[in-house]
């Protein structure tokens, strides 16, 4: 029997790609390889599915909705932990299994969290700028005067959210010699309430998912509860904190610095107050941007498809009711 055709618009690599090649004829056209950027909606995907005669559709950033769900797909793979780019309700109504890739970028984002923390605490970005601009001895000072900091070893790090990223961050910070405490009302492993964690931590790092319950969970009152001179890190989503309240906490010197890897709307205006603070490190949502993340989601999606087509129920199946 001929193998089904799999249209893959996600980056796909490593053992997962080898597995997928074993069960399908793969048409690989990753969105991330297109310049300028190409992101497709349901109509654009439908055109590609029809043109390639694909039965399996695997995406990362394209939106699986509308017309493409009217086609006879046998499976959809979303290379995300939360497949919010797929209209799962309609796919389920059509009897189409949807796979996801939970925790694919946990280690990558955890590493980014550590990088932000070290950069903020040791003034690495500003120090680099001083070297590049010839300002090493600015205003009659030497760098050793300007960039003194407390070592992270022996300090207390508070992790908010004990999902895959929170757990991956925890052991890394412990490896730096930090005492790690945690807050998560849905985890029996959590050690503290949020209020107690904020009061005890020298560093607070957010790793919660954005839900109606967590949106804006760190606001003016929460920043005020943090230790004076503490550091705030958010490598998750900007919606978890009140940005205006963070600006106040930095400008009032209640916090000694912050590191952020995400902004509402995926953009921060160059004249935003956060951009003026030398003790704030800003990166444009690149925490999960590693080739390893792509390897991980490729394995999860491909292995899920093998299980699905063998008559089993993959652990990463979003809508198991379609096969019951």
C-alpha atoms as a PDB file:
ATOM      1  CA  UNK A   1       0.000   0.000   0.000  1.00  0.00           C
ATOM      2  CA  UNK A   2       1.199   3.526  -0.752  1.00  0.00           C
ATOM      3  CA  UNK A   3       2.000   5.729   2.223  1.00  0.00           C
ATOM      4  CA  UNK A   4      -0.194   8.749   3.034  1.00  0.00           C
ATOM      5  CA  UNK A   5       1.144  12.207   2.289  1.00  0.00           C
ATOM      6  CA  UNK A   6       2.027  14.442   5.227  1.00  0.00           C
ATOM      7  CA  UNK A   7       2.176  18.193   4.636  1.00  0.00           C
ATOM      8  CA  UNK A   8       4.513  19.680   7.254  1.00  0.00           C
ATOM      9  CA  UNK A   9       4.630  23.464   7.548  1.00  0.00           C
ATOM     10  CA  UNK A  10       6.441  23.257  10.896  1.00  0.00           C
ATOM     11  CA  UNK A  11      10.214  22.961  11.273  1.00  0.00           C
ATOM     12  CA  UNK A  12      10.760  19.199  11.571  1.00  0.00           C
ATOM     13  CA  UNK A  13      14.107  17.520  12.148  1.00  0.00           C
ATOM     14  CA  UNK A  14      16.023  14.687  13.769  1.00  0.00           C
ATOM     15  CA  UNK A  15      14.686  11.244  14.733  1.00  0.00           C
ATOM     16  CA  UNK A  16      11.103  12.483  14.484  1.00  0.00           C
ATOM     17  CA  UNK A  17      11.542  13.329  10.818  1.00  0.00           C
ATOM     18  CA  UNK A  18      13.043   9.895  10.218  1.00  0.00           C
ATOM     19  CA  UNK A  19      10.044   8.285  11.924  1.00  0.00           C
ATOM     20  CA  UNK A  20       7.609  10.376   9.919  1.00  0.00           C
ATOM     21  CA  UNK A  21       9.380   9.455   6.681  1.00  0.00           C
ATOM     22  CA  UNK A  22       8.815   5.826   7.619  1.00  0.00           C
ATOM     23  CA  UNK A  23       5.034   6.135   7.757  1.00  0.00           C
ATOM     24  CA  UNK A  24       4.307   8.907   5.234  1.00  0.00           C
ATOM     25  CA  UNK A  25       5.485  10.675   2.114  1.00  0.00           C
ATOM     26  CA  UNK A  26       6.626  13.959   3.619  1.00  0.00           C
ATOM     27  CA  UNK A  27       6.187  17.363   1.984  1.00  0.00           C
ATOM     28  CA  UNK A  28       8.303  19.609   4.193  1.00  0.00           C
ATOM     29  CA  UNK A  29       7.798  23.364   3.791  1.00  0.00           C
ATOM     30  CA  UNK A  30       8.494  25.052   7.161  1.00  0.00           C
ATOM     31  CA  UNK A  31       7.046  28.494   7.754  1.00  0.00           C
ATOM     32  CA  UNK A  32      10.269  29.564   9.485  1.00  0.00           C
ATOM     33  CA  UNK A  33      12.308  29.175   6.287  1.00  0.00           C
ATOM     34  CA  UNK A  34      10.266  31.825   4.445  1.00  0.00           C
ATOM     35  CA  UNK A  35      11.508  35.401   4.094  1.00  0.00           C
ATOM     36  CA  UNK A  36       9.446  37.484   4.290  1.00  0.00           C
ATOM     37  CA  UNK A  37       7.494  35.629   6.928  1.00  0.00           C
ATOM     38  CA  UNK A  38       4.738  33.311   5.716  1.00  0.00           C
ATOM     39  CA  UNK A  39       1.871  32.447   8.053  1.00  0.00           C
ATOM     40  CA  UNK A  40      -1.174  30.667   6.650  1.00  0.00           C
ATOM     41  CA  UNK A  41      -4.788  30.517   7.753  1.00  0.00           C
ATOM     42  CA  UNK A  42      -7.298  27.790   6.976  1.00  0.00           C
ATOM     43  CA  UNK A  43      -7.804  28.929   3.384  1.00  0.00           C
ATOM     44  CA  UNK A  44      -4.079  28.999   2.612  1.00  0.00           C
ATOM     45  CA  UNK A  45      -3.545  25.615   4.230  1.00  0.00           C
ATOM     46  CA  UNK A  46      -6.492  24.199   2.298  1.00  0.00           C
ATOM     47  CA  UNK A  47      -4.856  25.217  -0.977  1.00  0.00           C
ATOM     48  CA  UNK A  48      -1.621  23.484   0.010  1.00  0.00           C
ATOM     49  CA  UNK A  49      -3.387  20.347   1.235  1.00  0.00           C
ATOM     50  CA  UNK A  50      -5.321  20.065  -2.011  1.00  0.00           C
ATOM     51  CA  UNK A  51      -2.227  20.752  -4.131  1.00  0.00           C
ATOM     52  CA  UNK A  52      -0.133  18.131  -2.310  1.00  0.00           C
ATOM     53  CA  UNK A  53      -3.008  15.655  -1.778  1.00  0.00           C
ATOM     54  CA  UNK A  54      -2.023  15.480   1.862  1.00  0.00           C
ATOM     55  CA  UNK A  55      -3.967  13.479   4.435  1.00  0.00           C
ATOM     56  CA  UNK A  56      -1.832  14.455   7.430  1.00  0.00           C
ATOM     57  CA  UNK A  57      -1.222  18.097   8.359  1.00  0.00           C
ATOM     58  CA  UNK A  58       1.509  19.179  10.787  1.00  0.00           C
ATOM     59  CA  UNK A  59       1.848  22.857  11.714  1.00  0.00           C
ATOM     60  CA  UNK A  60       3.515  25.092  14.257  1.00  0.00           C
ATOM     61  CA  UNK A  61       2.495  28.686  13.606  1.00  0.00           C
ATOM     62  CA  UNK A  62      -0.121  28.364  10.858  1.00  0.00           C
ATOM     63  CA  UNK A  63      -3.794  28.475  11.832  1.00  0.00           C
ATOM     64  CA  UNK A  64      -5.819  25.313  11.240  1.00  0.00           C
ATOM     65  CA  UNK A  65      -9.369  26.555  10.894  1.00  0.00           C
ATOM     66  CA  UNK A  66     -12.076  27.126   8.334  1.00  0.00           C
ATOM     67  CA  UNK A  67     -11.725  25.548   4.902  1.00  0.00           C
ATOM     68  CA  UNK A  68      -8.888  23.158   5.668  1.00  0.00           C
ATOM     69  CA  UNK A  69     -11.042  21.349   8.226  1.00  0.00           C
ATOM     70  CA  UNK A  70     -13.573  20.555   5.502  1.00  0.00           C
ATOM     71  CA  UNK A  71     -10.962  18.362   3.797  1.00  0.00           C
ATOM     72  CA  UNK A  72     -10.543  14.612   4.500  1.00  0.00           C
ATOM     73  CA  UNK A  73      -7.617  14.852   6.906  1.00  0.00           C
ATOM     74  CA  UNK A  74      -6.753  11.768   8.952  1.00  0.00           C
ATOM     75  CA  UNK A  75      -4.701  13.632  11.576  1.00  0.00           C
ATOM     76  CA  UNK A  76      -3.457  17.077  12.585  1.00  0.00           C
ATOM     77  CA  UNK A  77      -0.260  17.721  14.523  1.00  0.00           C
ATOM     78  CA  UNK A  78       0.273  21.021  16.328  1.00  0.00           C
ATOM     79  CA  UNK A  79       3.909  21.459  17.360  1.00  0.00           C
ATOM     80  CA  UNK A  80       2.963  23.401  20.461  1.00  0.00           C
ATOM     81  CA  UNK A  81       2.309  22.556  24.061  1.00  0.00           C
ATOM     82  CA  UNK A  82      -1.073  24.255  23.790  1.00  0.00           C
ATOM     83  CA  UNK A  83      -2.552  23.707  20.307  1.00  0.00           C
ATOM     84  CA  UNK A  84      -4.283  27.090  20.324  1.00  0.00           C
ATOM     85  CA  UNK A  85      -3.601  27.513  16.615  1.00  0.00           C
ATOM     86  CA  UNK A  86      -6.013  24.656  15.835  1.00  0.00           C
ATOM     87  CA  UNK A  87      -9.799  24.829  15.929  1.00  0.00           C
ATOM     88  CA  UNK A  88      -9.941  21.682  18.051  1.00  0.00           C
ATOM     89  CA  UNK A  89     -13.718  21.843  18.485  1.00  0.00           C
ATOM     90  CA  UNK A  90     -14.365  21.709  14.747  1.00  0.00           C
ATOM     91  CA  UNK A  91     -11.647  19.115  14.194  1.00  0.00           C
ATOM     92  CA  UNK A  92     -13.297  16.927  16.811  1.00  0.00           C
ATOM     93  CA  UNK A  93     -16.683  17.362  15.179  1.00  0.00           C
ATOM     94  CA  UNK A  94     -15.090  16.231  11.908  1.00  0.00           C
ATOM     95  CA  UNK A  95     -13.554  13.208  13.658  1.00  0.00           C
ATOM     96  CA  UNK A  96      -9.974  14.413  13.077  1.00  0.00           C
ATOM     97  CA  UNK A  97      -7.426  13.523  15.796  1.00  0.00           C
ATOM     98  CA  UNK A  98      -5.279  16.456  16.974  1.00  0.00           C
ATOM     99  CA  UNK A  99      -1.827  15.881  18.477  1.00  0.00           C
ATOM    100  CA  UNK A 100       0.242  18.359  20.494  1.00  0.00           C
ATOM    101  CA  UNK A 101       3.814  18.627  21.822  1.00  0.00           C
ATOM    102  CA  UNK A 102       3.749  19.309  25.573  1.00  0.00           C
ATOM    103  CA  UNK A 103       6.968  20.513  27.183  1.00  0.00           C
ATOM    104  CA  UNK A 104       8.843  20.660  23.872  1.00  0.00           C
ATOM    105  CA  UNK A 105      10.681  23.865  24.812  1.00  0.00           C
ATOM    106  CA  UNK A 106      10.946  23.432  28.587  1.00  0.00           C
ATOM    107  CA  UNK A 107      14.738  23.172  28.696  1.00  0.00           C
ATOM    108  CA  UNK A 108      15.206  25.967  26.160  1.00  0.00           C
ATOM    109  CA  UNK A 109      13.037  28.419  28.108  1.00  0.00           C
ATOM    110  CA  UNK A 110      14.640  27.377  31.390  1.00  0.00           C
ATOM    111  CA  UNK A 111      18.060  28.159  29.940  1.00  0.00           C
ATOM    112  CA  UNK A 112      16.749  31.526  28.747  1.00  0.00           C
ATOM    113  CA  UNK A 113      15.467  32.225  32.247  1.00  0.00           C
ATOM    114  CA  UNK A 114      18.938  31.630  33.685  1.00  0.00           C
ATOM    115  CA  UNK A 115      20.470  33.798  30.954  1.00  0.00           C
ATOM    116  CA  UNK A 116      18.112  36.686  31.764  1.00  0.00           C
ATOM    117  CA  UNK A 117      18.802  36.348  35.468  1.00  0.00           C
ATOM    118  CA  UNK A 118      22.583  36.357  35.056  1.00  0.00           C
ATOM    119  CA  UNK A 119      22.387  39.252  32.596  1.00  0.00           C
ATOM    120  CA  UNK A 120      20.301  41.387  34.945  1.00  0.00           C
ATOM    121  CA  UNK A 121      22.215  40.529  38.105  1.00  0.00           C
ATOM    122  CA  UNK A 122      25.686  41.119  36.673  1.00  0.00           C
ATOM    123  CA  UNK A 123      24.836  44.003  34.328  1.00  0.00           C
ATOM    124  CA  UNK A 124      26.171  42.070  31.366  1.00  0.00           C
ATOM    125  CA  UNK A 125      24.273  43.957  28.653  1.00  0.00           C
ATOM    126  CA  UNK A 126      25.292  47.364  29.989  1.00  0.00           C
ATOM    127  CA  UNK A 127      28.884  46.242  30.493  1.00  0.00           C
ATOM    128  CA  UNK A 128      29.020  45.004  26.900  1.00  0.00           C
ATOM    129  CA  UNK A 129      27.652  48.347  25.728  1.00  0.00           C
ATOM    130  CA  UNK A 130      30.309  50.218  27.712  1.00  0.00           C
ATOM    131  CA  UNK A 131      33.070  48.213  26.041  1.00  0.00           C
ATOM    132  CA  UNK A 132      31.638  48.687  22.548  1.00  0.00           C
ATOM    133  CA  UNK A 133      31.102  52.432  23.019  1.00  0.00           C
ATOM    134  CA  UNK A 134      34.456  53.153  24.657  1.00  0.00           C
ATOM    135  CA  UNK A 135      32.829  54.044  27.984  1.00  0.00           C
ATOM    136  CA  UNK A 136      34.690  51.576  30.203  1.00  0.00           C
ATOM    137  CA  UNK A 137      36.088  54.403  32.375  1.00  0.00           C
ATOM    138  CA  UNK A 138      33.119  56.740  32.128  1.00  0.00           C
ATOM    139  CA  UNK A 139      32.903  59.698  34.509  1.00  0.00           C
ATOM    140  CA  UNK A 140      36.148  58.818  36.225  1.00  0.00           C
ATOM    141  CA  UNK A 141      35.023  55.377  37.385  1.00  0.00           C
ATOM    142  CA  UNK A 142      36.249  51.868  36.707  1.00  0.00           C
ATOM    143  CA  UNK A 143      33.929  48.943  35.826  1.00  0.00           C
ATOM    144  CA  UNK A 144      34.646  47.208  39.140  1.00  0.00           C
ATOM    145  CA  UNK A 145      32.919  50.138  40.865  1.00  0.00           C
ATOM    146  CA  UNK A 146      29.855  50.197  38.666  1.00  0.00           C
ATOM    147  CA  UNK A 147      29.125  46.496  38.248  1.00  0.00           C
ATOM    148  CA  UNK A 148      29.420  45.026  41.742  1.00  0.00           C
ATOM    149  CA  UNK A 149      26.571  42.618  42.557  1.00  0.00           C
ATOM    150  CA  UNK A 150      25.552  39.976  45.060  1.00  0.00           C
ATOM    151  CA  UNK A 151      26.301  36.421  43.967  1.00  0.00           C
ATOM    152  CA  UNK A 152      23.284  34.255  43.224  1.00  0.00           C
ATOM    153  CA  UNK A 153      24.723  31.410  45.319  1.00  0.00           C
ATOM    154  CA  UNK A 154      22.970  31.375  48.686  1.00  0.00           C
ATOM    155  CA  UNK A 155      20.040  33.568  47.586  1.00  0.00           C
ATOM    156  CA  UNK A 156      16.383  32.506  47.393  1.00  0.00           C
ATOM    157  CA  UNK A 157      14.660  32.024  44.045  1.00  0.00           C
ATOM    158  CA  UNK A 158      10.885  31.837  43.900  1.00  0.00           C
ATOM    159  CA  UNK A 159       9.382  29.975  40.968  1.00  0.00           C
ATOM    160  CA  UNK A 160       5.727  30.699  40.198  1.00  0.00           C
ATOM    161  CA  UNK A 161       4.234  27.826  38.197  1.00  0.00           C
ATOM    162  CA  UNK A 162       5.519  24.251  38.371  1.00  0.00           C
ATOM    163  CA  UNK A 163       4.831  23.064  34.868  1.00  0.00           C
ATOM    164  CA  UNK A 164       7.508  21.670  32.572  1.00  0.00           C
ATOM    165  CA  UNK A 165       9.404  24.969  32.336  1.00  0.00           C
ATOM    166  CA  UNK A 166       9.142  25.714  36.046  1.00  0.00           C
ATOM    167  CA  UNK A 167      10.536  22.297  36.949  1.00  0.00           C
ATOM    168  CA  UNK A 168      13.347  22.620  34.396  1.00  0.00           C
ATOM    169  CA  UNK A 169      14.247  26.031  35.788  1.00  0.00           C
ATOM    170  CA  UNK A 170      14.159  24.781  39.383  1.00  0.00           C
ATOM    171  CA  UNK A 171      17.025  22.311  39.112  1.00  0.00           C
ATOM    172  CA  UNK A 172      19.130  24.758  37.120  1.00  0.00           C
ATOM    173  CA  UNK A 173      18.851  27.420  39.803  1.00  0.00           C
ATOM    174  CA  UNK A 174      19.566  24.832  42.480  1.00  0.00           C
ATOM    175  CA  UNK A 175      22.686  23.967  40.492  1.00  0.00           C
ATOM    176  CA  UNK A 176      23.798  27.586  40.909  1.00  0.00           C
ATOM    177  CA  UNK A 177      23.601  27.113  44.677  1.00  0.00           C
ATOM    178  CA  UNK A 178      20.289  28.880  45.163  1.00  0.00           C
ATOM    179  CA  UNK A 179      17.524  27.871  47.541  1.00  0.00           C
ATOM    180  CA  UNK A 180      14.427  27.404  45.360  1.00  0.00           C
ATOM    181  CA  UNK A 181      10.894  27.788  46.683  1.00  0.00           C
ATOM    182  CA  UNK A 182       7.766  27.347  44.571  1.00  0.00           C
ATOM    183  CA  UNK A 183       4.142  28.448  44.311  1.00  0.00           C
ATOM    184  CA  UNK A 184       1.483  26.669  42.267  1.00  0.00           C
ATOM    185  CA  UNK A 185      -2.037  25.992  43.610  1.00  0.00           C
ATOM    186  CA  UNK A 186      -2.372  23.023  41.243  1.00  0.00           C
ATOM    187  CA  UNK A 187       0.857  21.264  42.233  1.00  0.00           C
ATOM    188  CA  UNK A 188       1.231  19.198  45.390  1.00  0.00           C
ATOM    189  CA  UNK A 189       4.998  19.774  45.142  1.00  0.00           C
ATOM    190  CA  UNK A 190       4.691  23.542  45.643  1.00  0.00           C
ATOM    191  CA  UNK A 191       6.248  24.776  48.879  1.00  0.00           C
ATOM    192  CA  UNK A 192       4.686  28.225  49.366  1.00  0.00           C
ATOM    193  CA  UNK A 193       1.657  30.388  48.758  1.00  0.00           C
ATOM    194  CA  UNK A 194       2.225  33.180  46.256  1.00  0.00           C
ATOM    195  CA  UNK A 195       2.249  35.890  48.935  1.00  0.00           C
ATOM    196  CA  UNK A 196       4.763  34.027  51.098  1.00  0.00           C
ATOM    197  CA  UNK A 197       6.970  33.322  48.080  1.00  0.00           C
ATOM    198  CA  UNK A 198       7.032  36.980  47.067  1.00  0.00           C
ATOM    199  CA  UNK A 199       8.028  38.069  50.563  1.00  0.00           C
ATOM    200  CA  UNK A 200      10.837  35.513  50.909  1.00  0.00           C
ATOM    201  CA  UNK A 201      12.430  35.526  47.429  1.00  0.00           C
ATOM    202  CA  UNK A 202      15.438  37.458  46.205  1.00  0.00           C
ATOM    203  CA  UNK A 203      14.466  36.487  42.651  1.00  0.00           C
ATOM    204  CA  UNK A 204      10.910  35.858  41.406  1.00  0.00           C
ATOM    205  CA  UNK A 205      10.567  33.948  38.119  1.00  0.00           C
ATOM    206  CA  UNK A 206       7.196  33.467  36.392  1.00  0.00           C
ATOM    207  CA  UNK A 207       6.376  30.184  34.618  1.00  0.00           C
ATOM    208  CA  UNK A 208       2.582  29.987  34.791  1.00  0.00           C
ATOM    209  CA  UNK A 209       0.243  29.536  31.846  1.00  0.00           C
ATOM    210  CA  UNK A 210      -1.972  32.483  30.927  1.00  0.00           C
ATOM    211  CA  UNK A 211      -5.542  31.823  32.052  1.00  0.00           C
ATOM    212  CA  UNK A 212      -8.339  34.082  33.322  1.00  0.00           C
ATOM    213  CA  UNK A 213      -7.070  33.224  36.801  1.00  0.00           C
ATOM    214  CA  UNK A 214      -3.399  34.083  36.179  1.00  0.00           C
ATOM    215  CA  UNK A 215      -3.735  37.069  33.840  1.00  0.00           C
ATOM    216  CA  UNK A 216      -2.301  40.090  35.643  1.00  0.00           C
ATOM    217  CA  UNK A 217      -1.439  37.959  38.677  1.00  0.00           C
ATOM    218  CA  UNK A 218       1.592  40.127  39.490  1.00  0.00           C
ATOM    219  CA  UNK A 219       0.456  43.719  39.910  1.00  0.00           C
ATOM    220  CA  UNK A 220       1.268  46.705  42.098  1.00  0.00           C
ATOM    221  CA  UNK A 221       0.371  44.907  45.344  1.00  0.00           C
ATOM    222  CA  UNK A 222       2.452  41.884  44.442  1.00  0.00           C
ATOM    223  CA  UNK A 223       5.492  43.924  43.422  1.00  0.00           C
ATOM    224  CA  UNK A 224       5.217  45.807  46.725  1.00  0.00           C
ATOM    225  CA  UNK A 225       5.314  42.490  48.612  1.00  0.00           C
ATOM    226  CA  UNK A 226       8.616  41.539  46.993  1.00  0.00           C
ATOM    227  CA  UNK A 227      11.862  42.246  48.833  1.00  0.00           C
ATOM    228  CA  UNK A 228      13.458  45.611  48.197  1.00  0.00           C
ATOM    229  CA  UNK A 229      16.308  45.028  45.764  1.00  0.00           C
ATOM    230  CA  UNK A 230      14.911  41.774  44.400  1.00  0.00           C
ATOM    231  CA  UNK A 231      14.887  40.778  40.715  1.00  0.00           C
ATOM    232  CA  UNK A 232      11.830  39.960  38.608  1.00  0.00           C
ATOM    233  CA  UNK A 233      12.060  37.533  35.665  1.00  0.00           C
ATOM    234  CA  UNK A 234       9.262  36.693  33.241  1.00  0.00           C
ATOM    235  CA  UNK A 235      10.219  34.284  30.461  1.00  0.00           C
ATOM    236  CA  UNK A 236       6.609  33.112  30.078  1.00  0.00           C
ATOM    237  CA  UNK A 237       4.040  35.683  28.948  1.00  0.00           C
ATOM    238  CA  UNK A 238       3.723  39.431  29.521  1.00  0.00           C
ATOM    239  CA  UNK A 239       0.025  39.007  30.314  1.00  0.00           C
ATOM    240  CA  UNK A 240       1.017  37.536  33.679  1.00  0.00           C
ATOM    241  CA  UNK A 241       2.190  40.880  35.059  1.00  0.00           C
ATOM    242  CA  UNK A 242       1.058  44.510  35.061  1.00  0.00           C
ATOM    243  CA  UNK A 243       3.689  46.319  32.986  1.00  0.00           C
ATOM    244  CA  UNK A 244       2.874  49.775  34.370  1.00  0.00           C
ATOM    245  CA  UNK A 245       3.266  48.426  37.897  1.00  0.00           C
ATOM    246  CA  UNK A 246       6.603  46.881  36.920  1.00  0.00           C
ATOM    247  CA  UNK A 247       7.809  50.216  35.532  1.00  0.00           C
ATOM    248  CA  UNK A 248       6.941  51.858  38.851  1.00  0.00           C
ATOM    249  CA  UNK A 249       8.676  49.120  40.851  1.00  0.00           C
ATOM    250  CA  UNK A 250      11.854  49.629  38.787  1.00  0.00           C
ATOM    251  CA  UNK A 251      11.792  53.435  38.699  1.00  0.00           C
ATOM    252  CA  UNK A 252      11.192  53.631  42.455  1.00  0.00           C
ATOM    253  CA  UNK A 253      14.182  51.303  42.938  1.00  0.00           C
ATOM    254  CA  UNK A 254      12.048  48.850  44.890  1.00  0.00           C
ATOM    255  CA  UNK A 255      13.275  46.204  42.443  1.00  0.00           C
ATOM    256  CA  UNK A 256      16.922  46.117  41.436  1.00  0.00           C
ATOM    257  CA  UNK A 257      16.158  44.851  37.939  1.00  0.00           C
ATOM    258  CA  UNK A 258      14.033  42.720  35.633  1.00  0.00           C
ATOM    259  CA  UNK A 259      14.386  40.391  32.670  1.00  0.00           C
ATOM    260  CA  UNK A 260      11.566  39.891  30.184  1.00  0.00           C
ATOM    261  CA  UNK A 261      11.264  37.637  27.126  1.00  0.00           C
ATOM    262  CA  UNK A 262       7.749  38.576  26.040  1.00  0.00           C
ATOM    263  CA  UNK A 263       5.610  41.642  25.424  1.00  0.00           C
ATOM    264  CA  UNK A 264       1.912  42.076  24.760  1.00  0.00           C
ATOM    265  CA  UNK A 265       1.445  42.033  20.999  1.00  0.00           C
ATOM    266  CA  UNK A 266       4.969  40.591  20.587  1.00  0.00           C
ATOM    267  CA  UNK A 267       6.358  44.114  20.431  1.00  0.00           C
ATOM    268  CA  UNK A 268       7.620  46.879  22.695  1.00  0.00           C
ATOM    269  CA  UNK A 269       7.778  50.474  21.490  1.00  0.00           C
ATOM    270  CA  UNK A 270      11.315  51.883  21.502  1.00  0.00           C
ATOM    271  CA  UNK A 271      10.128  54.820  23.631  1.00  0.00           C
ATOM    272  CA  UNK A 272       8.561  52.559  26.258  1.00  0.00           C
ATOM    273  CA  UNK A 273       9.846  53.340  29.784  1.00  0.00           C
ATOM    274  CA  UNK A 274      11.265  49.812  30.134  1.00  0.00           C
ATOM    275  CA  UNK A 275      13.691  50.523  27.296  1.00  0.00           C
ATOM    276  CA  UNK A 276      15.282  53.344  29.284  1.00  0.00           C
ATOM    277  CA  UNK A 277      16.297  51.210  32.267  1.00  0.00           C
ATOM    278  CA  UNK A 278      19.866  49.858  32.084  1.00  0.00           C
ATOM    279  CA  UNK A 279      18.962  47.264  34.749  1.00  0.00           C
ATOM    280  CA  UNK A 280      16.189  45.724  32.608  1.00  0.00           C
ATOM    281  CA  UNK A 281      17.085  43.107  29.988  1.00  0.00           C
ATOM    282  CA  UNK A 282      14.592  42.702  27.142  1.00  0.00           C
ATOM    283  CA  UNK A 283      14.504  39.862  24.605  1.00  0.00           C
ATOM    284  CA  UNK A 284      11.847  39.339  21.879  1.00  0.00           C
ATOM    285  CA  UNK A 285      10.229  35.994  22.800  1.00  0.00           C
ATOM    286  CA  UNK A 286      13.173  33.793  21.853  1.00  0.00           C
ATOM    287  CA  UNK A 287      13.204  31.494  24.875  1.00  0.00           C
ATOM    288  CA  UNK A 288      12.053  28.455  22.918  1.00  0.00           C
ATOM    289  CA  UNK A 289      14.027  29.255  19.773  1.00  0.00           C
ATOM    290  CA  UNK A 290      16.408  26.299  19.742  1.00  0.00           C
ATOM    291  CA  UNK A 291      16.895  23.496  17.240  1.00  0.00           C
ATOM    292  CA  UNK A 292      16.410  21.117  20.161  1.00  0.00           C
ATOM    293  CA  UNK A 293      12.847  22.397  20.556  1.00  0.00           C
ATOM    294  CA  UNK A 294      12.214  21.382  16.947  1.00  0.00           C
ATOM    295  CA  UNK A 295      13.766  17.967  17.531  1.00  0.00           C
ATOM    296  CA  UNK A 296      11.571  17.471  20.592  1.00  0.00           C
ATOM    297  CA  UNK A 297       8.270  18.377  18.952  1.00  0.00           C
ATOM    298  CA  UNK A 298       9.145  16.318  15.878  1.00  0.00           C
ATOM    299  CA  UNK A 299       9.625  13.211  18.019  1.00  0.00           C
ATOM    300  CA  UNK A 300       6.401  13.760  19.950  1.00  0.00           C
ATOM    301  CA  UNK A 301       4.244  14.358  16.892  1.00  0.00           C
ATOM    302  CA  UNK A 302       5.769  11.528  14.833  1.00  0.00           C
ATOM    303  CA  UNK A 303       5.592   9.015  17.680  1.00  0.00           C
ATOM    304  CA  UNK A 304       2.002  10.063  18.332  1.00  0.00           C
ATOM    305  CA  UNK A 305       1.108   9.411  14.712  1.00  0.00           C
ATOM    306  CA  UNK A 306       2.725   5.962  14.834  1.00  0.00           C
ATOM    307  CA  UNK A 307       0.664   5.086  17.900  1.00  0.00           C
ATOM    308  CA  UNK A 308      -2.490   6.524  16.387  1.00  0.00           C
ATOM    309  CA  UNK A 309      -2.166   4.653  13.091  1.00  0.00           C
ATOM    310  CA  UNK A 310      -1.345   1.449  14.980  1.00  0.00           C
ATOM    311  CA  UNK A 311      -4.732   1.618  16.690  1.00  0.00           C
ATOM    312  CA  UNK A 312      -3.506   3.023  20.003  1.00  0.00           C
ATOM    313  CA  UNK A 313      -4.237   6.211  21.901  1.00  0.00           C
ATOM    314  CA  UNK A 314      -1.267   8.611  21.994  1.00  0.00           C
ATOM    315  CA  UNK A 315      -0.600  10.362  25.293  1.00  0.00           C
ATOM    316  CA  UNK A 316      -0.387  13.657  23.411  1.00  0.00           C
ATOM    317  CA  UNK A 317      -3.804  13.296  21.755  1.00  0.00           C
ATOM    318  CA  UNK A 318      -5.895  16.392  22.486  1.00  0.00           C
ATOM    319  CA  UNK A 319      -9.286  14.920  21.583  1.00  0.00           C
ATOM    320  CA  UNK A 320      -9.300  11.193  22.478  1.00  0.00           C
ATOM    321  CA  UNK A 321     -13.067  11.094  22.007  1.00  0.00           C
ATOM    322  CA  UNK A 322     -12.550  10.861  18.233  1.00  0.00           C
ATOM    323  CA  UNK A 323     -11.118   7.366  18.538  1.00  0.00           C
ATOM    324  CA  UNK A 324     -13.318   5.980  21.304  1.00  0.00           C
END
